[in-house]
Amino acid sequence: MAPRKDQHVVPHPDGWAVKGAGNSKATKVTSTQKEAITIAEQIARNKGTDTKIHGQDGKIRAGNSYGNDPCPPKDKK
């Protein structure tokens, strides 16, 4: 089985990039962060992995899990 590749949304000279963890090349480059987040979420859902959303400073500011979360939320909305 292939290793999990979380999807990162990171700043890019042409806007924002979606990159699989450990990849040197971007999967997709978009002009807006919102567009990149949508793409990253679609990929993460399909692969059962996580998203990591980075700010302009490169630090992770948000994320979501679409796979086997070791600490799932306790509330059942």
Protein backbone atom coordinates (compact mmCIF):
# COMPACT_ATOMS: atom_id res chain seq x y z
CA MET A 1 0.00 0.00 0.00
CA ALA A 2 1.26 3.49 -0.86
CA PRO A 3 2.21 5.74 2.06
CA ARG A 4 -0.23 8.45 3.12
CA LYS A 5 0.39 11.75 1.40
CA ASP A 6 -1.27 14.61 3.19
CA GLN A 7 -2.21 17.49 0.90
CA HIS A 8 -0.57 20.83 1.70
CA VAL A 9 -1.78 24.22 0.46
CA VAL A 10 1.30 26.44 0.32
CA PRO A 11 2.24 29.89 -1.01
CA HIS A 12 3.60 29.83 -4.58
CA PRO A 13 5.09 32.59 -6.78
CA ASP A 14 2.03 32.30 -9.05
CA GLY A 15 -0.52 32.22 -6.18
CA TRP A 16 -1.12 29.03 -4.17
CA ALA A 17 -0.03 25.44 -4.72
CA VAL A 18 -1.43 22.07 -3.70
CA LYS A 19 1.43 19.67 -2.92
CA GLY A 20 1.46 16.11 -1.68
CA ALA A 21 3.63 15.69 1.42
CA GLY A 22 7.25 15.14 0.40
CA ASN A 23 6.67 16.08 -3.24
CA SER A 24 8.97 18.65 -4.81
CA LYS A 25 6.48 19.61 -7.55
CA ALA A 26 3.01 21.03 -7.06
CA THR A 27 0.01 18.93 -8.01
CA LYS A 28 -1.87 22.11 -8.96
CA VAL A 29 -1.21 25.87 -8.84
CA THR A 30 -4.13 28.29 -8.46
CA SER A 31 -4.50 32.05 -8.19
CA THR A 32 -6.41 31.93 -4.88
CA GLN A 33 -5.94 30.04 -1.65
CA LYS A 34 -9.66 29.20 -1.55
CA GLU A 35 -9.41 27.43 -4.91
CA ALA A 36 -6.32 25.50 -3.76
CA ILE A 37 -8.07 24.43 -0.54
CA THR A 38 -11.03 23.06 -2.53
CA ILE A 39 -8.69 20.99 -4.72
CA ALA A 40 -6.66 19.76 -1.73
CA GLU A 41 -9.86 18.69 0.07
CA GLN A 42 -11.07 16.73 -2.97
CA ILE A 43 -7.74 14.89 -3.23
CA ALA A 44 -7.63 14.22 0.53
CA ARG A 45 -11.19 12.83 0.51
CA ASN A 46 -10.36 10.51 -2.40
CA LYS A 47 -7.17 9.26 -0.73
CA GLY A 48 -8.42 9.26 2.86
CA THR A 49 -5.67 11.61 4.04
CA ASP A 50 -5.42 15.05 5.66
CA THR A 51 -5.17 18.64 4.48
CA LYS A 52 -2.67 21.11 5.91
CA ILE A 53 -3.38 24.75 5.09
CA HIS A 54 -0.37 27.08 5.33
CA GLY A 55 -0.50 30.86 5.70
CA GLN A 56 1.59 33.38 3.74
CA ASP A 57 4.34 32.90 6.35
CA GLY A 58 4.50 29.16 5.56
CA LYS A 59 3.23 28.06 8.99
CA ILE A 60 0.33 25.61 9.19
CA ARG A 61 -2.79 27.56 10.18
CA ALA A 62 -5.54 24.96 9.62
CA GLY A 63 -6.22 21.44 8.46
CA ASN A 64 -8.74 18.64 8.27
CA SER A 65 -8.68 14.87 8.40
CA TYR A 66 -10.50 12.79 5.78
CA GLY A 67 -9.06 9.42 6.73
CA ASN A 68 -8.54 7.34 9.83
CA ASP A 69 -8.28 10.04 12.46
CA PRO A 70 -6.53 8.61 15.56
CA CYS A 71 -8.36 11.23 17.70
CA PRO A 72 -11.87 11.58 16.21
CA PRO A 73 -14.20 14.23 17.60
CA LYS A 74 -16.46 13.06 20.41
CA ASP A 75 -19.52 15.05 19.36
CA LYS A 76 -21.80 13.34 16.85
CA LYS A 77 -23.32 16.23 14.86
